[in-house]
Amino acid sequence: MTRRAKLTAETYATVDELIRLGGIAVENAQDESRRLGVPNVYSINDRLYYETPSGELSAQDPYRENESATEPRDATERRS
């Protein structure tokens, strides 16, 4: 049987702080995307959902055809 190392209270406190700071960073990034008009994209049960300007989630990709946010662009393709 493998013995696990015990984590100290200081380690738990550090992990909690990192998770708290990560949550703040995610919220800031989402707010900036909204400000710039870029939809936030979420994966829920292996499906992609896009945040609409009203804050609702939609499974419909808001990008025009051939400019899907879920498919990589061809590096040689020029933007118009």
N, C-alpha and C. Protein backbone atom coordinates (compact mmCIF):
# COMPACT_ATOMS: atom_id res chain seq x y z
N MET A 1 0.84 -1.17 0.00
CA MET A 1 0.00 0.00 0.00
C MET A 1 0.90 1.25 0.00
N THR A 2 0.56 2.21 -0.84
CA THR A 2 1.34 3.44 -0.94
C THR A 2 0.88 4.43 0.11
N ARG A 3 1.84 5.04 0.75
CA ARG A 3 1.51 6.04 1.77
C ARG A 3 1.55 7.42 1.15
N ARG A 4 0.52 8.21 1.38
CA ARG A 4 0.44 9.57 0.84
C ARG A 4 1.06 10.55 1.82
N ALA A 5 1.72 11.56 1.27
CA ALA A 5 2.27 12.61 2.12
C ALA A 5 1.11 13.47 2.64
N LYS A 6 1.18 13.86 3.87
CA LYS A 6 0.15 14.72 4.46
C LYS A 6 0.45 16.17 4.12
N LEU A 7 -0.60 16.88 3.76
CA LEU A 7 -0.44 18.29 3.44
C LEU A 7 -0.63 19.12 4.70
N THR A 8 0.18 20.16 4.80
CA THR A 8 0.09 21.02 5.97
C THR A 8 -1.02 22.05 5.78
N ALA A 9 -1.40 22.69 6.87
CA ALA A 9 -2.40 23.76 6.81
C ALA A 9 -1.89 24.90 5.93
N GLU A 10 -0.60 25.15 5.95
CA GLU A 10 -0.01 26.21 5.11
C GLU A 10 -0.17 25.86 3.63
N THR A 11 0.02 24.59 3.28
CA THR A 11 -0.15 24.17 1.89
C THR A 11 -1.59 24.35 1.45
N TYR A 12 -2.55 23.94 2.29
CA TYR A 12 -3.97 24.15 1.97
C TYR A 12 -4.28 25.63 1.80
N ALA A 13 -3.73 26.47 2.66
CA ALA A 13 -3.96 27.91 2.56
C ALA A 13 -3.41 28.46 1.25
N THR A 14 -2.25 27.97 0.84
CA THR A 14 -1.64 28.42 -0.42
C THR A 14 -2.50 27.99 -1.61
N VAL A 15 -2.96 26.75 -1.59
CA VAL A 15 -3.81 26.25 -2.66
C VAL A 15 -5.11 27.07 -2.73
N ASP A 16 -5.71 27.34 -1.59
CA ASP A 16 -6.93 28.15 -1.56
C ASP A 16 -6.69 29.53 -2.16
N GLU A 17 -5.56 30.13 -1.84
CA GLU A 17 -5.25 31.47 -2.37
C GLU A 17 -5.05 31.42 -3.88
N LEU A 18 -4.38 30.39 -4.37
CA LEU A 18 -4.17 30.27 -5.82
C LEU A 18 -5.50 30.07 -6.55
N ILE A 19 -6.38 29.27 -5.98
CA ILE A 19 -7.70 29.06 -6.59
C ILE A 19 -8.50 30.36 -6.58
N ARG A 20 -8.42 31.12 -5.49
CA ARG A 20 -9.12 32.40 -5.39
C ARG A 20 -8.62 33.37 -6.46
N LEU A 21 -7.28 33.47 -6.59
CA LEU A 21 -6.70 34.37 -7.59
C LEU A 21 -7.03 33.93 -9.01
N GLY A 22 -7.04 32.62 -9.24
CA GLY A 22 -7.41 32.11 -10.56
C GLY A 22 -8.84 32.46 -10.92
N GLY A 23 -9.74 32.37 -9.94
CA GLY A 23 -11.14 32.74 -10.17
C GLY A 23 -11.29 34.20 -10.53
N ILE A 24 -10.53 35.05 -9.86
CA ILE A 24 -10.57 36.49 -10.15
C ILE A 24 -10.06 36.74 -11.57
N ALA A 25 -8.98 36.05 -11.95
CA ALA A 25 -8.42 36.22 -13.30
C ALA A 25 -9.42 35.79 -14.37
N VAL A 26 -10.12 34.69 -14.13
CA VAL A 26 -11.12 34.21 -15.10
C VAL A 26 -12.26 35.23 -15.22
N GLU A 27 -12.74 35.73 -14.10
CA GLU A 27 -13.81 36.74 -14.14
C GLU A 27 -13.37 37.98 -14.91
N ASN A 28 -12.13 38.44 -14.69
CA ASN A 28 -11.62 39.61 -15.40
C ASN A 28 -11.53 39.35 -16.90
N ALA A 29 -11.07 38.16 -17.28
CA ALA A 29 -10.95 37.81 -18.70
C ALA A 29 -12.33 37.75 -19.35
N GLN A 30 -13.32 37.18 -18.64
CA GLN A 30 -14.67 37.11 -19.19
C GLN A 30 -15.26 38.52 -19.34
N ASP A 31 -15.05 39.37 -18.37
CA ASP A 31 -15.54 40.75 -18.46
C ASP A 31 -14.91 41.48 -19.63
N GLU A 32 -13.62 41.27 -19.85
CA GLU A 32 -12.95 41.94 -20.97
C GLU A 32 -13.49 41.42 -22.30
N SER A 33 -13.73 40.12 -22.40
CA SER A 33 -14.31 39.56 -23.63
C SER A 33 -15.67 40.18 -23.91
N ARG A 34 -16.47 40.31 -22.88
CA ARG A 34 -17.80 40.93 -23.05
C ARG A 34 -17.65 42.38 -23.51
N ARG A 35 -16.72 43.10 -22.91
CA ARG A 35 -16.49 44.50 -23.28
C ARG A 35 -16.07 44.63 -24.74
N LEU A 36 -15.27 43.66 -25.22
CA LEU A 36 -14.78 43.69 -26.59
C LEU A 36 -15.76 43.06 -27.58
N GLY A 37 -16.88 42.52 -27.07
CA GLY A 37 -17.87 41.90 -27.95
C GLY A 37 -17.49 40.50 -28.41
N VAL A 38 -16.58 39.86 -27.70
CA VAL A 38 -16.16 38.51 -28.03
C VAL A 38 -16.92 37.55 -27.13
N PRO A 39 -17.64 36.57 -27.72
CA PRO A 39 -18.42 35.68 -26.87
C PRO A 39 -17.53 34.77 -26.03
N ASN A 40 -17.88 34.59 -24.78
CA ASN A 40 -17.23 33.60 -23.95
C ASN A 40 -17.76 32.24 -24.37
N VAL A 41 -16.87 31.25 -24.42
CA VAL A 41 -17.24 29.91 -24.86
C VAL A 41 -17.02 28.96 -23.69
N TYR A 42 -18.02 28.12 -23.45
CA TYR A 42 -17.96 27.17 -22.34
C TYR A 42 -18.17 25.76 -22.87
N SER A 43 -17.52 24.80 -22.26
CA SER A 43 -17.73 23.40 -22.58
C SER A 43 -18.51 22.78 -21.43
N ILE A 44 -19.72 22.32 -21.73
CA ILE A 44 -20.58 21.70 -20.74
C ILE A 44 -20.96 20.32 -21.27
N ASN A 45 -20.57 19.28 -20.55
CA ASN A 45 -20.83 17.90 -20.99
C ASN A 45 -20.34 17.66 -22.42
N ASP A 46 -19.13 18.14 -22.71
CA ASP A 46 -18.48 17.95 -24.01
C ASP A 46 -19.19 18.65 -25.17
N ARG A 47 -20.03 19.64 -24.88
CA ARG A 47 -20.67 20.46 -25.92
C ARG A 47 -20.25 21.90 -25.70
N LEU A 48 -20.05 22.63 -26.80
CA LEU A 48 -19.68 24.03 -26.71
C LEU A 48 -20.92 24.91 -26.67
N TYR A 49 -20.87 25.89 -25.78
CA TYR A 49 -21.94 26.87 -25.66
C TYR A 49 -21.32 28.27 -25.71
N TYR A 50 -22.00 29.17 -26.39
CA TYR A 50 -21.52 30.53 -26.59
C TYR A 50 -22.40 31.48 -25.80
N GLU A 51 -21.79 32.42 -25.14
CA GLU A 51 -22.54 33.41 -24.38
C GLU A 51 -23.02 34.50 -25.33
N THR A 52 -24.31 34.74 -25.34
CA THR A 52 -24.89 35.78 -26.19
C THR A 52 -24.72 37.14 -25.51
N PRO A 53 -24.89 38.23 -26.25
CA PRO A 53 -24.79 39.56 -25.63
C PRO A 53 -25.76 39.76 -24.46
N SER A 54 -26.88 39.01 -24.45
CA SER A 54 -27.84 39.14 -23.34
C SER A 54 -27.42 38.31 -22.13
N GLY A 55 -26.35 37.51 -22.28
CA GLY A 55 -25.88 36.70 -21.16
C GLY A 55 -26.38 35.27 -21.18
N GLU A 56 -27.25 34.94 -22.14
CA GLU A 56 -27.76 33.58 -22.26
C GLU A 56 -26.73 32.72 -22.98
N LEU A 57 -26.85 31.40 -22.81
CA LEU A 57 -25.97 30.47 -23.51
C LEU A 57 -26.69 29.90 -24.72
N SER A 58 -25.96 29.76 -25.82
CA SER A 58 -26.51 29.21 -27.05
C SER A 58 -25.54 28.18 -27.62
N ALA A 59 -26.05 27.11 -28.18
CA ALA A 59 -25.20 26.11 -28.82
C ALA A 59 -24.84 26.53 -30.23
N GLN A 60 -25.47 27.59 -30.74
CA GLN A 60 -25.21 28.07 -32.10
C GLN A 60 -23.96 28.94 -32.11
N ASP A 61 -23.02 28.60 -32.99
CA ASP A 61 -21.78 29.35 -33.14
C ASP A 61 -22.11 30.74 -33.70
N PRO A 62 -21.73 31.82 -33.01
CA PRO A 62 -22.09 33.17 -33.46
C PRO A 62 -21.24 33.69 -34.62
N TYR A 63 -20.20 32.96 -34.98
CA TYR A 63 -19.34 33.41 -36.07
C TYR A 63 -19.94 33.06 -37.41
N ARG A 64 -19.62 33.87 -38.40
CA ARG A 64 -20.11 33.62 -39.74
C ARG A 64 -19.58 32.29 -40.28
N GLU A 65 -20.25 31.76 -41.27
CA GLU A 65 -19.78 30.52 -41.89
C GLU A 65 -18.36 30.72 -42.38
N ASN A 66 -17.55 29.71 -42.29
CA ASN A 66 -16.12 29.72 -42.65
C ASN A 66 -15.28 30.51 -41.65
N GLU A 67 -15.84 31.01 -40.60
CA GLU A 67 -15.09 31.70 -39.56
C GLU A 67 -15.48 31.13 -38.20
N SER A 68 -15.67 29.84 -38.16
CA SER A 68 -16.10 29.19 -36.92
C SER A 68 -15.06 29.35 -35.83
N ALA A 69 -15.51 29.63 -34.63
CA ALA A 69 -14.61 29.75 -33.49
C ALA A 69 -14.08 28.38 -33.07
N THR A 70 -14.72 27.31 -33.53
CA THR A 70 -14.33 25.97 -33.08
C THR A 70 -13.46 25.24 -34.09
N GLU A 71 -13.22 25.83 -35.24
CA GLU A 71 -12.38 25.20 -36.25
C GLU A 71 -11.18 26.09 -36.53
N PRO A 72 -9.97 25.49 -36.61
CA PRO A 72 -8.79 26.31 -36.89
C PRO A 72 -8.84 26.90 -38.29
N ARG A 73 -8.37 28.12 -38.41
CA ARG A 73 -8.32 28.78 -39.71
C ARG A 73 -7.11 28.28 -40.48
N ASP A 74 -7.23 28.21 -41.79
CA ASP A 74 -6.11 27.86 -42.64
C ASP A 74 -5.12 29.02 -42.59
N ALA A 75 -3.87 28.74 -42.30
CA ALA A 75 -2.84 29.79 -42.15
C ALA A 75 -2.65 30.59 -43.43
N THR A 76 -2.97 29.98 -44.58
CA THR A 76 -2.77 30.70 -45.86
C THR A 76 -3.98 31.54 -46.24
N GLU A 77 -5.10 31.36 -45.55
CA GLU A 77 -6.33 32.08 -45.87
C GLU A 77 -6.22 33.53 -45.41
N ARG A 78 -6.57 34.45 -46.26
CA ARG A 78 -6.52 35.88 -45.92
C ARG A 78 -7.84 36.32 -45.33
N ARG A 79 -7.77 37.20 -44.35
CA ARG A 79 -8.98 37.79 -43.79
C ARG A 79 -9.41 38.95 -44.66
N SER A 80 -10.73 39.14 -44.78
CA SER A 80 -11.23 40.26 -45.58
C SER A 80 -11.62 41.40 -44.71
